[in-house]
C-alpha atoms as a PDB file:
ATOM      1  CA  UNK A   1      41.671  -3.062 -70.538  1.00  0.00           C
ATOM      2  CA  UNK A   2      42.168  -4.873 -67.212  1.00  0.00           C
ATOM      3  CA  UNK A   3      38.925  -5.528 -65.383  1.00  0.00           C
ATOM      4  CA  UNK A   4      38.793  -6.050 -61.656  1.00  0.00           C
ATOM      5  CA  UNK A   5      37.467  -9.397 -60.389  1.00  0.00           C
ATOM      6  CA  UNK A   6      34.012  -9.428 -58.828  1.00  0.00           C
ATOM      7  CA  UNK A   7      33.531 -11.230 -55.519  1.00  0.00           C
ATOM      8  CA  UNK A   8      30.580 -12.682 -53.655  1.00  0.00           C
ATOM      9  CA  UNK A   9      30.524 -10.624 -50.455  1.00  0.00           C
ATOM     10  CA  UNK A  10      28.535 -12.281 -47.683  1.00  0.00           C
ATOM     11  CA  UNK A  11      27.251  -9.857 -45.069  1.00  0.00           C
ATOM     12  CA  UNK A  12      27.571 -12.448 -42.308  1.00  0.00           C
ATOM     13  CA  UNK A  13      31.305 -12.684 -42.982  1.00  0.00           C
ATOM     14  CA  UNK A  14      31.757  -8.897 -42.995  1.00  0.00           C
ATOM     15  CA  UNK A  15      30.496  -8.729 -39.415  1.00  0.00           C
ATOM     16  CA  UNK A  16      33.505 -10.777 -38.282  1.00  0.00           C
ATOM     17  CA  UNK A  17      36.061  -8.205 -39.427  1.00  0.00           C
ATOM     18  CA  UNK A  18      37.424  -5.242 -37.465  1.00  0.00           C
ATOM     19  CA  UNK A  19      36.037  -2.325 -39.468  1.00  0.00           C
ATOM     20  CA  UNK A  20      38.793   0.156 -38.689  1.00  0.00           C
ATOM     21  CA  UNK A  21      41.520  -2.198 -39.892  1.00  0.00           C
ATOM     22  CA  UNK A  22      39.415  -3.282 -42.862  1.00  0.00           C
ATOM     23  CA  UNK A  23      38.842   0.333 -43.915  1.00  0.00           C
ATOM     24  CA  UNK A  24      42.590   0.937 -43.960  1.00  0.00           C
ATOM     25  CA  UNK A  25      43.345  -2.148 -46.080  1.00  0.00           C
ATOM     26  CA  UNK A  26      43.929  -1.257 -49.777  1.00  0.00           C
ATOM     27  CA  UNK A  27      43.046  -4.810 -50.809  1.00  0.00           C
ATOM     28  CA  UNK A  28      39.658  -4.662 -49.092  1.00  0.00           C
ATOM     29  CA  UNK A  29      38.056  -2.081 -51.401  1.00  0.00           C
ATOM     30  CA  UNK A  30      35.783  -4.687 -53.093  1.00  0.00           C
ATOM     31  CA  UNK A  31      34.324  -5.375 -49.634  1.00  0.00           C
ATOM     32  CA  UNK A  32      34.053  -1.737 -48.553  1.00  0.00           C
ATOM     33  CA  UNK A  33      32.450  -0.519 -51.789  1.00  0.00           C
ATOM     34  CA  UNK A  34      29.593  -2.991 -51.266  1.00  0.00           C
ATOM     35  CA  UNK A  35      29.228  -2.142 -47.572  1.00  0.00           C
ATOM     36  CA  UNK A  36      29.372   1.651 -47.430  1.00  0.00           C
ATOM     37  CA  UNK A  37      27.551   1.747 -44.100  1.00  0.00           C
ATOM     38  CA  UNK A  38      30.441  -0.169 -42.552  1.00  0.00           C
ATOM     39  CA  UNK A  39      33.207   2.215 -43.619  1.00  0.00           C
ATOM     40  CA  UNK A  40      35.363   3.853 -40.950  1.00  0.00           C
ATOM     41  CA  UNK A  41      36.320   7.142 -42.614  1.00  0.00           C
ATOM     42  CA  UNK A  42      39.138   7.857 -40.173  1.00  0.00           C
ATOM     43  CA  UNK A  43      41.050   4.797 -41.372  1.00  0.00           C
ATOM     44  CA  UNK A  44      39.787   4.921 -44.956  1.00  0.00           C
ATOM     45  CA  UNK A  45      41.267   8.404 -45.366  1.00  0.00           C
ATOM     46  CA  UNK A  46      44.767   6.934 -45.034  1.00  0.00           C
ATOM     47  CA  UNK A  47      43.999   4.055 -47.425  1.00  0.00           C
ATOM     48  CA  UNK A  48      46.027   4.459 -50.658  1.00  0.00           C
ATOM     49  CA  UNK A  49      43.581   2.221 -52.499  1.00  0.00           C
ATOM     50  CA  UNK A  50      40.554   4.369 -51.691  1.00  0.00           C
ATOM     51  CA  UNK A  51      41.446   7.553 -53.584  1.00  0.00           C
ATOM     52  CA  UNK A  52      38.905   7.154 -56.390  1.00  0.00           C
ATOM     53  CA  UNK A  53      36.206   6.405 -53.828  1.00  0.00           C
ATOM     54  CA  UNK A  54      37.116   9.456 -51.708  1.00  0.00           C
ATOM     55  CA  UNK A  55      37.255  11.849 -54.674  1.00  0.00           C
ATOM     56  CA  UNK A  56      33.478  11.607 -54.873  1.00  0.00           C
ATOM     57  CA  UNK A  57      32.968  12.114 -51.134  1.00  0.00           C
ATOM     58  CA  UNK A  58      35.299  14.947 -50.101  1.00  0.00           C
ATOM     59  CA  UNK A  59      33.085  16.018 -47.195  1.00  0.00           C
ATOM     60  CA  UNK A  60      33.617  12.680 -45.418  1.00  0.00           C
ATOM     61  CA  UNK A  61      37.425  12.730 -45.578  1.00  0.00           C
ATOM     62  CA  UNK A  62      39.434  12.952 -42.366  1.00  0.00           C
ATOM     63  CA  UNK A  63      42.139  15.369 -43.489  1.00  0.00           C
ATOM     64  CA  UNK A  64      44.551  14.582 -40.652  1.00  0.00           C
ATOM     65  CA  UNK A  65      44.624  10.957 -41.789  1.00  0.00           C
ATOM     66  CA  UNK A  66      44.736  11.843 -45.472  1.00  0.00           C
ATOM     67  CA  UNK A  67      48.041  13.579 -44.758  1.00  0.00           C
ATOM     68  CA  UNK A  68      49.547  10.092 -44.350  1.00  0.00           C
ATOM     69  CA  UNK A  69      48.101   8.763 -47.599  1.00  0.00           C
ATOM     70  CA  UNK A  70      50.823   8.273 -50.256  1.00  0.00           C
ATOM     71  CA  UNK A  71      48.258   8.844 -53.010  1.00  0.00           C
ATOM     72  CA  UNK A  72      46.829  11.999 -51.458  1.00  0.00           C
ATOM     73  CA  UNK A  73      48.191  14.307 -54.152  1.00  0.00           C
ATOM     74  CA  UNK A  74      45.330  13.334 -56.462  1.00  0.00           C
ATOM     75  CA  UNK A  75      42.864  14.717 -53.933  1.00  0.00           C
ATOM     76  CA  UNK A  76      44.842  17.640 -52.511  1.00  0.00           C
ATOM     77  CA  UNK A  77      45.504  19.099 -55.972  1.00  0.00           C
ATOM     78  CA  UNK A  78      41.890  18.592 -57.064  1.00  0.00           C
ATOM     79  CA  UNK A  79      40.192  21.851 -57.983  1.00  0.00           C
ATOM     80  CA  UNK A  80      36.766  22.608 -56.516  1.00  0.00           C
ATOM     81  CA  UNK A  81      34.436  25.513 -57.144  1.00  0.00           C
ATOM     82  CA  UNK A  82      33.533  27.617 -54.119  1.00  0.00           C
ATOM     83  CA  UNK A  83      30.348  29.700 -54.125  1.00  0.00           C
ATOM     84  CA  UNK A  84      30.121  32.940 -52.174  1.00  0.00           C
ATOM     85  CA  UNK A  85      27.122  35.243 -51.758  1.00  0.00           C
ATOM     86  CA  UNK A  86      27.497  38.850 -50.596  1.00  0.00           C
ATOM     87  CA  UNK A  87      24.282  39.908 -48.783  1.00  0.00           C
ATOM     88  CA  UNK A  88      25.254  43.575 -48.883  1.00  0.00           C
ATOM     89  CA  UNK A  89      25.097  43.994 -52.642  1.00  0.00           C
ATOM     90  CA  UNK A  90      23.548  40.682 -53.658  1.00  0.00           C
ATOM     91  CA  UNK A  91      26.582  39.702 -55.729  1.00  0.00           C
ATOM     92  CA  UNK A  92      27.562  36.083 -56.323  1.00  0.00           C
ATOM     93  CA  UNK A  93      31.035  34.767 -57.044  1.00  0.00           C
ATOM     94  CA  UNK A  94      32.454  31.402 -57.963  1.00  0.00           C
ATOM     95  CA  UNK A  95      36.154  30.741 -57.390  1.00  0.00           C
ATOM     96  CA  UNK A  96      38.258  27.717 -58.255  1.00  0.00           C
ATOM     97  CA  UNK A  97      40.393  26.576 -55.330  1.00  0.00           C
ATOM     98  CA  UNK A  98      42.432  23.443 -54.606  1.00  0.00           C
ATOM     99  CA  UNK A  99      41.308  21.038 -51.893  1.00  0.00           C
ATOM    100  CA  UNK A 100      44.596  21.737 -50.104  1.00  0.00           C
ATOM    101  CA  UNK A 101      43.873  25.482 -49.967  1.00  0.00           C
ATOM    102  CA  UNK A 102      40.321  24.792 -48.843  1.00  0.00           C
ATOM    103  CA  UNK A 103      41.441  22.753 -45.809  1.00  0.00           C
ATOM    104  CA  UNK A 104      44.374  24.670 -44.276  1.00  0.00           C
ATOM    105  CA  UNK A 105      43.523  23.652 -40.712  1.00  0.00           C
ATOM    106  CA  UNK A 106      42.713  20.028 -41.469  1.00  0.00           C
ATOM    107  CA  UNK A 107      45.984  19.148 -43.184  1.00  0.00           C
ATOM    108  CA  UNK A 108      48.774  17.909 -40.896  1.00  0.00           C
ATOM    109  CA  UNK A 109      52.068  19.175 -42.306  1.00  0.00           C
ATOM    110  CA  UNK A 110      54.002  17.039 -39.824  1.00  0.00           C
ATOM    111  CA  UNK A 111      52.562  13.909 -41.409  1.00  0.00           C
ATOM    112  CA  UNK A 112      52.575  15.317 -44.902  1.00  0.00           C
ATOM    113  CA  UNK A 113      56.311  16.019 -44.630  1.00  0.00           C
ATOM    114  CA  UNK A 114      57.098  12.323 -44.262  1.00  0.00           C
ATOM    115  CA  UNK A 115      54.678  11.303 -47.021  1.00  0.00           C
ATOM    116  CA  UNK A 116      56.612   9.902 -50.003  1.00  0.00           C
ATOM    117  CA  UNK A 117      53.788  10.506 -52.455  1.00  0.00           C
ATOM    118  CA  UNK A 118      53.196  14.245 -52.051  1.00  0.00           C
ATOM    119  CA  UNK A 119      56.580  15.727 -53.012  1.00  0.00           C
ATOM    120  CA  UNK A 120      55.091  18.152 -55.597  1.00  0.00           C
ATOM    121  CA  UNK A 121      52.975  19.682 -52.833  1.00  0.00           C
ATOM    122  CA  UNK A 122      55.867  19.864 -50.367  1.00  0.00           C
ATOM    123  CA  UNK A 123      58.091  21.551 -52.958  1.00  0.00           C
ATOM    124  CA  UNK A 124      55.613  24.420 -53.167  1.00  0.00           C
ATOM    125  CA  UNK A 125      55.149  24.736 -49.399  1.00  0.00           C
ATOM    126  CA  UNK A 126      58.651  24.590 -47.899  1.00  0.00           C
ATOM    127  CA  UNK A 127      57.644  27.220 -45.337  1.00  0.00           C
ATOM    128  CA  UNK A 128      55.181  24.724 -43.858  1.00  0.00           C
ATOM    129  CA  UNK A 129      57.155  21.471 -43.899  1.00  0.00           C
ATOM    130  CA  UNK A 130      58.598  19.800 -40.823  1.00  0.00           C
ATOM    131  CA  UNK A 131      62.286  19.434 -41.683  1.00  0.00           C
ATOM    132  CA  UNK A 132      62.870  16.581 -39.252  1.00  0.00           C
ATOM    133  CA  UNK A 133      60.190  14.490 -40.955  1.00  0.00           C
ATOM    134  CA  UNK A 134      61.238  15.643 -44.423  1.00  0.00           C
ATOM    135  CA  UNK A 135      64.831  14.584 -43.713  1.00  0.00           C
ATOM    136  CA  UNK A 136      63.622  10.995 -43.396  1.00  0.00           C
ATOM    137  CA  UNK A 137      61.519  11.152 -46.570  1.00  0.00           C
ATOM    138  CA  UNK A 138      63.166   8.937 -49.262  1.00  0.00           C
ATOM    139  CA  UNK A 139      61.742  11.027 -52.108  1.00  0.00           C
ATOM    140  CA  UNK A 140      62.850  14.399 -50.746  1.00  0.00           C
ATOM    141  CA  UNK A 141      66.613  14.141 -51.294  1.00  0.00           C
ATOM    142  CA  UNK A 142      66.682  16.794 -54.017  1.00  0.00           C
ATOM    143  CA  UNK A 143      64.928  19.213 -51.660  1.00  0.00           C
ATOM    144  CA  UNK A 144      67.326  18.427 -48.827  1.00  0.00           C
ATOM    145  CA  UNK A 145      70.386  18.870 -51.036  1.00  0.00           C
ATOM    146  CA  UNK A 146      69.255  22.422 -51.709  1.00  0.00           C
ATOM    147  CA  UNK A 147      68.533  23.118 -48.019  1.00  0.00           C
ATOM    148  CA  UNK A 148      71.481  21.637 -46.120  1.00  0.00           C
ATOM    149  CA  UNK A 149      71.054  24.012 -43.180  1.00  0.00           C
ATOM    150  CA  UNK A 150      67.559  22.690 -42.524  1.00  0.00           C
ATOM    151  CA  UNK A 151      68.462  18.987 -42.477  1.00  0.00           C
ATOM    152  CA  UNK A 152      67.958  16.962 -39.336  1.00  0.00           C
ATOM    153  CA  UNK A 153      70.978  14.659 -39.637  1.00  0.00           C
ATOM    154  CA  UNK A 154      69.671  12.052 -37.225  1.00  0.00           C
ATOM    155  CA  UNK A 155      66.479  11.721 -39.280  1.00  0.00           C
ATOM    156  CA  UNK A 156      68.481  11.623 -42.514  1.00  0.00           C
ATOM    157  CA  UNK A 157      70.495   8.713 -41.087  1.00  0.00           C
ATOM    158  CA  UNK A 158      67.357   6.597 -41.310  1.00  0.00           C
ATOM    159  CA  UNK A 159      66.690   7.652 -44.919  1.00  0.00           C
ATOM    160  CA  UNK A 160      67.651   4.851 -47.373  1.00  0.00           C
ATOM    161  CA  UNK A 161      68.201   7.408 -50.146  1.00  0.00           C
ATOM    162  CA  UNK A 162      70.248   9.769 -48.008  1.00  0.00           C
ATOM    163  CA  UNK A 163      73.456   7.739 -47.815  1.00  0.00           C
ATOM    164  CA  UNK A 164      75.442   9.733 -50.391  1.00  0.00           C
ATOM    165  CA  UNK A 165      74.593  12.939 -48.584  1.00  0.00           C
ATOM    166  CA  UNK A 166      75.513  11.353 -45.252  1.00  0.00           C
ATOM    167  CA  UNK A 167      78.886  10.117 -46.494  1.00  0.00           C
ATOM    168  CA  UNK A 168      79.937  13.721 -47.046  1.00  0.00           C
ATOM    169  CA  UNK A 169      78.744  14.774 -43.581  1.00  0.00           C
ATOM    170  CA  UNK A 170      79.536  11.935 -41.143  1.00  0.00           C
ATOM    171  CA  UNK A 171      80.945  14.505 -38.723  1.00  0.00           C
ATOM    172  CA  UNK A 172      77.412  15.828 -38.238  1.00  0.00           C
ATOM    173  CA  UNK A 173      76.065  12.531 -36.886  1.00  0.00           C
ATOM    174  CA  UNK A 174      75.322  12.289 -33.179  1.00  0.00           C
ATOM    175  CA  UNK A 175      75.114   9.002 -31.295  1.00  0.00           C
ATOM    176  CA  UNK A 176      71.423   8.875 -32.204  1.00  0.00           C
ATOM    177  CA  UNK A 177      72.379   9.423 -35.822  1.00  0.00           C
ATOM    178  CA  UNK A 178      74.644   6.363 -35.764  1.00  0.00           C
ATOM    179  CA  UNK A 179      71.903   4.383 -34.044  1.00  0.00           C
ATOM    180  CA  UNK A 180      69.479   5.192 -36.866  1.00  0.00           C
ATOM    181  CA  UNK A 181      72.180   4.612 -39.486  1.00  0.00           C
ATOM    182  CA  UNK A 182      72.619   1.085 -38.140  1.00  0.00           C
ATOM    183  CA  UNK A 183      69.067   0.373 -39.322  1.00  0.00           C
ATOM    184  CA  UNK A 184      69.621   1.880 -42.786  1.00  0.00           C
ATOM    185  CA  UNK A 185      69.805  -0.941 -45.390  1.00  0.00           C
ATOM    186  CA  UNK A 186      71.924   1.173 -47.758  1.00  0.00           C
ATOM    187  CA  UNK A 187      74.528   2.171 -45.180  1.00  0.00           C
ATOM    188  CA  UNK A 188      76.256  -1.182 -44.658  1.00  0.00           C
ATOM    189  CA  UNK A 189      79.516  -0.056 -46.270  1.00  0.00           C
ATOM    190  CA  UNK A 190      79.680   2.895 -43.854  1.00  0.00           C
ATOM    191  CA  UNK A 191      78.964   0.696 -40.848  1.00  0.00           C
ATOM    192  CA  UNK A 192      81.596  -1.836 -41.864  1.00  0.00           C
ATOM    193  CA  UNK A 193      84.184   0.955 -41.772  1.00  0.00           C
ATOM    194  CA  UNK A 194      82.933   2.155 -38.369  1.00  0.00           C
ATOM    195  CA  UNK A 195      82.149  -1.008 -36.350  1.00  0.00           C
ATOM    196  CA  UNK A 196      82.653   0.801 -33.045  1.00  0.00           C
ATOM    197  CA  UNK A 197      79.673   3.059 -33.831  1.00  0.00           C
ATOM    198  CA  UNK A 198      77.234   0.280 -34.716  1.00  0.00           C
ATOM    199  CA  UNK A 199      74.105  -0.037 -32.604  1.00  0.00           C
ATOM    200  CA  UNK A 200      73.538  -3.788 -32.627  1.00  0.00           C
ATOM    201  CA  UNK A 201      69.944  -3.516 -31.501  1.00  0.00           C
ATOM    202  CA  UNK A 202      69.092  -1.388 -34.540  1.00  0.00           C
ATOM    203  CA  UNK A 203      71.317  -3.468 -36.810  1.00  0.00           C
ATOM    204  CA  UNK A 204      69.362  -6.587 -35.883  1.00  0.00           C
ATOM    205  CA  UNK A 205      66.435  -5.454 -38.039  1.00  0.00           C
ATOM    206  CA  UNK A 206      68.607  -4.334 -40.965  1.00  0.00           C
ATOM    207  CA  UNK A 207      67.839  -6.684 -43.895  1.00  0.00           C
ATOM    208  CA  UNK A 208      71.266  -6.130 -45.473  1.00  0.00           C
ATOM    209  CA  UNK A 209      73.273  -6.805 -42.316  1.00  0.00           C
ATOM    210  CA  UNK A 210      72.845 -10.583 -42.102  1.00  0.00           C
ATOM    211  CA  UNK A 211      76.537 -11.279 -42.758  1.00  0.00           C
ATOM    212  CA  UNK A 212      77.514  -8.979 -39.868  1.00  0.00           C
ATOM    213  CA  UNK A 213      74.931 -10.461 -37.532  1.00  0.00           C
ATOM    214  CA  UNK A 214      76.015 -14.040 -38.298  1.00  0.00           C
ATOM    215  CA  UNK A 215      79.504 -13.145 -37.053  1.00  0.00           C
ATOM    216  CA  UNK A 216      78.143 -11.456 -33.898  1.00  0.00           C
ATOM    217  CA  UNK A 217      75.386 -13.741 -32.655  1.00  0.00           C
ATOM    218  CA  UNK A 218      75.980 -12.649 -29.058  1.00  0.00           C
ATOM    219  CA  UNK A 219      75.094  -9.026 -29.924  1.00  0.00           C
ATOM    220  CA  UNK A 220      71.781  -9.726 -31.650  1.00  0.00           C
ATOM    221  CA  UNK A 221      68.480  -8.340 -30.421  1.00  0.00           C
ATOM    222  CA  UNK A 222      66.277 -11.367 -31.057  1.00  0.00           C
ATOM    223  CA  UNK A 223      63.010  -9.466 -30.902  1.00  0.00           C
ATOM    224  CA  UNK A 224      64.062  -7.209 -33.788  1.00  0.00           C
ATOM    225  CA  UNK A 225      65.821 -10.013 -35.648  1.00  0.00           C
ATOM    226  CA  UNK A 226      62.497 -11.857 -35.675  1.00  0.00           C
ATOM    227  CA  UNK A 227      61.153  -8.914 -37.695  1.00  0.00           C
ATOM    228  CA  UNK A 228      64.060  -9.003 -40.144  1.00  0.00           C
ATOM    229  CA  UNK A 229      62.828 -10.323 -43.539  1.00  0.00           C
ATOM    230  CA  UNK A 230      66.234 -11.804 -44.415  1.00  0.00           C
ATOM    231  CA  UNK A 231      67.058 -13.409 -41.078  1.00  0.00           C
ATOM    232  CA  UNK A 232      65.508 -16.826 -41.669  1.00  0.00           C
ATOM    233  CA  UNK A 233      68.897 -18.643 -41.903  1.00  0.00           C
ATOM    234  CA  UNK A 234      69.901 -17.366 -38.451  1.00  0.00           C
ATOM    235  CA  UNK A 235      66.486 -17.895 -36.864  1.00  0.00           C
ATOM    236  CA  UNK A 236      66.218 -21.507 -38.091  1.00  0.00           C
ATOM    237  CA  UNK A 237      69.330 -22.315 -36.062  1.00  0.00           C
ATOM    238  CA  UNK A 238      68.120 -20.466 -32.962  1.00  0.00           C
ATOM    239  CA  UNK A 239      64.429 -21.325 -32.585  1.00  0.00           C
ATOM    240  CA  UNK A 240      64.680 -21.053 -28.806  1.00  0.00           C
ATOM    241  CA  UNK A 241      65.454 -17.343 -29.159  1.00  0.00           C
ATOM    242  CA  UNK A 242      62.738 -16.472 -31.687  1.00  0.00           C
ATOM    243  CA  UNK A 243      59.998 -14.015 -30.821  1.00  0.00           C
ATOM    244  CA  UNK A 244      57.079 -15.929 -32.294  1.00  0.00           C
ATOM    245  CA  UNK A 245      54.677 -13.003 -32.236  1.00  0.00           C
ATOM    246  CA  UNK A 246      57.007 -11.013 -34.480  1.00  0.00           C
ATOM    247  CA  UNK A 247      57.996 -13.925 -36.684  1.00  0.00           C
ATOM    248  CA  UNK A 248      54.388 -14.945 -37.272  1.00  0.00           C
ATOM    249  CA  UNK A 249      53.707 -11.829 -39.338  1.00  0.00           C
ATOM    250  CA  UNK A 250      56.824 -12.193 -41.501  1.00  0.00           C
ATOM    251  CA  UNK A 251      56.055 -13.324 -45.103  1.00  0.00           C
ATOM    252  CA  UNK A 252      59.545 -14.806 -45.561  1.00  0.00           C
ATOM    253  CA  UNK A 253      59.256 -17.021 -42.486  1.00  0.00           C
ATOM    254  CA  UNK A 254      56.505 -19.356 -43.700  1.00  0.00           C
ATOM    255  CA  UNK A 255      58.870 -22.333 -43.933  1.00  0.00           C
ATOM    256  CA  UNK A 256      59.622 -21.981 -40.207  1.00  0.00           C
ATOM    257  CA  UNK A 257      56.039 -21.247 -39.186  1.00  0.00           C
ATOM    258  CA  UNK A 258      54.610 -24.272 -41.022  1.00  0.00           C
ATOM    259  CA  UNK A 259      56.797 -26.545 -38.894  1.00  0.00           C
ATOM    260  CA  UNK A 260      55.962 -24.776 -35.617  1.00  0.00           C
ATOM    261  CA  UNK A 261      52.218 -24.124 -35.644  1.00  0.00           C
ATOM    262  CA  UNK A 262      52.087 -24.819 -31.916  1.00  0.00           C
ATOM    263  CA  UNK A 263      54.260 -21.756 -31.338  1.00  0.00           C
ATOM    264  CA  UNK A 264      52.780 -19.216 -33.749  1.00  0.00           C
ATOM    265  CA  UNK A 265      50.835 -16.171 -32.672  1.00  0.00           C
ATOM    266  CA  UNK A 266      47.552 -16.492 -34.567  1.00  0.00           C
ATOM    267  CA  UNK A 267      46.742 -12.786 -34.431  1.00  0.00           C
ATOM    268  CA  UNK A 268      50.059 -11.974 -36.095  1.00  0.00           C
ATOM    269  CA  UNK A 269      49.799 -14.906 -38.505  1.00  0.00           C
ATOM    270  CA  UNK A 270      46.372 -13.679 -39.582  1.00  0.00           C
ATOM    271  CA  UNK A 271      48.088 -10.541 -40.916  1.00  0.00           C
ATOM    272  CA  UNK A 272      50.667 -12.536 -42.885  1.00  0.00           C
ATOM    273  CA  UNK A 273      49.966 -12.376 -46.652  1.00  0.00           C
ATOM    274  CA  UNK A 274      51.848 -15.638 -47.272  1.00  0.00           C
ATOM    275  CA  UNK A 275      49.974 -17.600 -44.620  1.00  0.00           C
ATOM    276  CA  UNK A 276      46.615 -17.889 -46.391  1.00  0.00           C
ATOM    277  CA  UNK A 277      46.920 -21.667 -46.881  1.00  0.00           C
ATOM    278  CA  UNK A 278      47.659 -22.129 -43.177  1.00  0.00           C
ATOM    279  CA  UNK A 279      44.772 -19.894 -42.126  1.00  0.00           C
ATOM    280  CA  UNK A 280      42.267 -21.633 -44.392  1.00  0.00           C
ATOM    281  CA  UNK A 281      43.196 -24.937 -42.754  1.00  0.00           C
ATOM    282  CA  UNK A 282      42.772 -23.451 -39.278  1.00  0.00           C
ATOM    283  CA  UNK A 283      39.666 -21.248 -39.566  1.00  0.00           C
ATOM    284  CA  UNK A 284      38.880 -21.652 -35.863  1.00  0.00           C
ATOM    285  CA  UNK A 285      42.199 -20.050 -34.915  1.00  0.00           C
ATOM    286  CA  UNK A 286      41.981 -17.007 -37.191  1.00  0.00           C
ATOM    287  CA  UNK A 287      42.040 -13.556 -35.653  1.00  0.00           C
ATOM    288  CA  UNK A 288      39.505 -11.656 -37.756  1.00  0.00           C
ATOM    289  CA  UNK A 289      40.965  -8.397 -36.546  1.00  0.00           C
ATOM    290  CA  UNK A 290      44.375  -9.465 -37.835  1.00  0.00           C
ATOM    291  CA  UNK A 291      42.925 -10.820 -41.072  1.00  0.00           C
ATOM    292  CA  UNK A 292      41.268  -7.440 -41.638  1.00  0.00           C
ATOM    293  CA  UNK A 293      44.766  -6.033 -42.327  1.00  0.00           C
ATOM    294  CA  UNK A 294      45.929  -8.878 -44.566  1.00  0.00           C
ATOM    295  CA  UNK A 295      46.843  -7.800 -48.129  1.00  0.00           C
ATOM    296  CA  UNK A 296      45.493 -11.133 -49.397  1.00  0.00           C
ATOM    297  CA  UNK A 297      42.172 -10.857 -47.602  1.00  0.00           C
ATOM    298  CA  UNK A 298      40.170 -11.395 -50.802  1.00  0.00           C
ATOM    299  CA  UNK A 299      41.423 -14.991 -50.937  1.00  0.00           C
ATOM    300  CA  UNK A 300      38.695 -15.701 -48.371  1.00  0.00           C
ATOM    301  CA  UNK A 301      35.940 -14.669 -50.785  1.00  0.00           C
ATOM    302  CA  UNK A 302      34.614 -16.586 -53.782  1.00  0.00           C
ATOM    303  CA  UNK A 303      34.719 -15.069 -57.239  1.00  0.00           C
ATOM    304  CA  UNK A 304      31.315 -14.187 -58.702  1.00  0.00           C
ATOM    305  CA  UNK A 305      31.741 -15.848 -62.083  1.00  0.00           C
ATOM    306  CA  UNK A 306      28.182 -15.092 -63.177  1.00  0.00           C
ATOM    307  CA  UNK A 307      28.613 -11.364 -62.538  1.00  0.00           C
ATOM    308  CA  UNK A 308      31.946 -11.314 -64.349  1.00  0.00           C
ATOM    309  CA  UNK A 309      30.416 -13.219 -67.282  1.00  0.00           C
ATOM    310  CA  UNK A 310      27.548 -10.747 -67.500  1.00  0.00           C
ATOM    311  CA  UNK A 311      29.982  -7.822 -67.397  1.00  0.00           C
ATOM    312  CA  UNK A 312      32.098  -9.324 -70.152  1.00  0.00           C
ATOM    313  CA  UNK A 313      29.033  -9.982 -72.309  1.00  0.00           C
ATOM    314  CA  UNK A 314      28.160  -6.320 -71.919  1.00  0.00           C
ATOM    315  CA  UNK A 315      31.641  -5.430 -73.083  1.00  0.00           C
ATOM    316  CA  UNK A 316      31.424  -7.758 -76.075  1.00  0.00           C
ATOM    317  CA  UNK A 317      28.044  -6.356 -77.072  1.00  0.00           C
ATOM    318  CA  UNK A 318      29.794  -3.060 -77.785  1.00  0.00           C
ATOM    319  CA  UNK A 319      32.103  -4.773 -80.250  1.00  0.00           C
ATOM    320  CA  UNK A 320      30.693  -4.053 -83.692  1.00  0.00           C
ATOM    321  CA  UNK A 321      33.362  -5.409 -85.970  1.00  0.00           C
ATOM    322  CA  UNK A 322      36.978  -6.400 -86.369  1.00  0.00           C
ATOM    323  CA  UNK A 323      38.804  -5.448 -89.523  1.00  0.00           C
ATOM    324  CA  UNK A 324      42.433  -5.106 -90.555  1.00  0.00           C
ATOM    325  CA  UNK A 325      43.694  -5.568 -86.998  1.00  0.00           C
ATOM    326  CA  UNK A 326      41.379  -2.891 -85.579  1.00  0.00           C
ATOM    327  CA  UNK A 327      38.444  -3.119 -83.194  1.00  0.00           C
ATOM    328  CA  UNK A 328      35.523  -0.774 -83.811  1.00  0.00           C
ATOM    329  CA  UNK A 329      33.506   0.315 -80.757  1.00  0.00           C
ATOM    330  CA  UNK A 330      30.493   2.554 -81.327  1.00  0.00           C
ATOM    331  CA  UNK A 331      32.198   4.412 -84.117  1.00  0.00           C
ATOM    332  CA  UNK A 332      35.578   4.640 -82.349  1.00  0.00           C
ATOM    333  CA  UNK A 333      38.653   2.735 -83.430  1.00  0.00           C
ATOM    334  CA  UNK A 334      41.020   1.035 -80.996  1.00  0.00           C
ATOM    335  CA  UNK A 335      44.262  -0.744 -81.830  1.00  0.00           C
END
């Protein structure tokens, strides 16, 4: 069984963080669980790492935000018992109802329709979905294939899993559809056959379009290229055109950023999961608001080795014997 590390959480350090951003950071749960009074429930409700924590505190959930949470199915399908008392005849009833059914006004179907993690719920509520948002949902292709008349083709153009469906219906794409398609990483072969329809601004952030962009440097949007995870080879040769605020948050750009610390945007860099070594060497420049969003935020906290040792000793105390390749725990056998 994998056991989570235990950290030493200093209250003085917690006060430096931006609580809203921290509450939305899946990696920050070890901090939040030890500082419940600091939690921002609006942002926590959209945090995919907070599901187990929220299951025990349904009344605090912000349902509008939960609609964006990719792990929301675990909560929305959860059954709860509702009690009802009838004062006229004194009767009492208990009914089992899903959380989704219990919060019809709180759930945002617009957001839920674009949520990749709640497809089983969407499949059972097609009368409520927003088809424009659903058309852009990568996990909803099988639903869209069965409801061609409801597809928003411009939204589908942005869908990385919708390319096969698009290839059969290119005549349905408007100019906006081709603009969105230019951003689609799986549509390069279509764009190569239709260069006159490419939107070069959108293409500039397409991670699979580097070979096209290298041949059309004059058409590049440098702001969006600075956000392109695969554009480092082009950017290294055109540092005067780089948008440093954008580039500073890009994990793949560390080699460039390390050589140009005088140009980086420290707020953006503080969000960069690959910049921890730079940030630790420049603590006075850190944006704590930006760091609050960083997936590697726990690198700034020390491991509590004593607490982990005590936990492991507790685990070992349950080990009664080992025989013939089997562990015996309190009368139970585990391979």
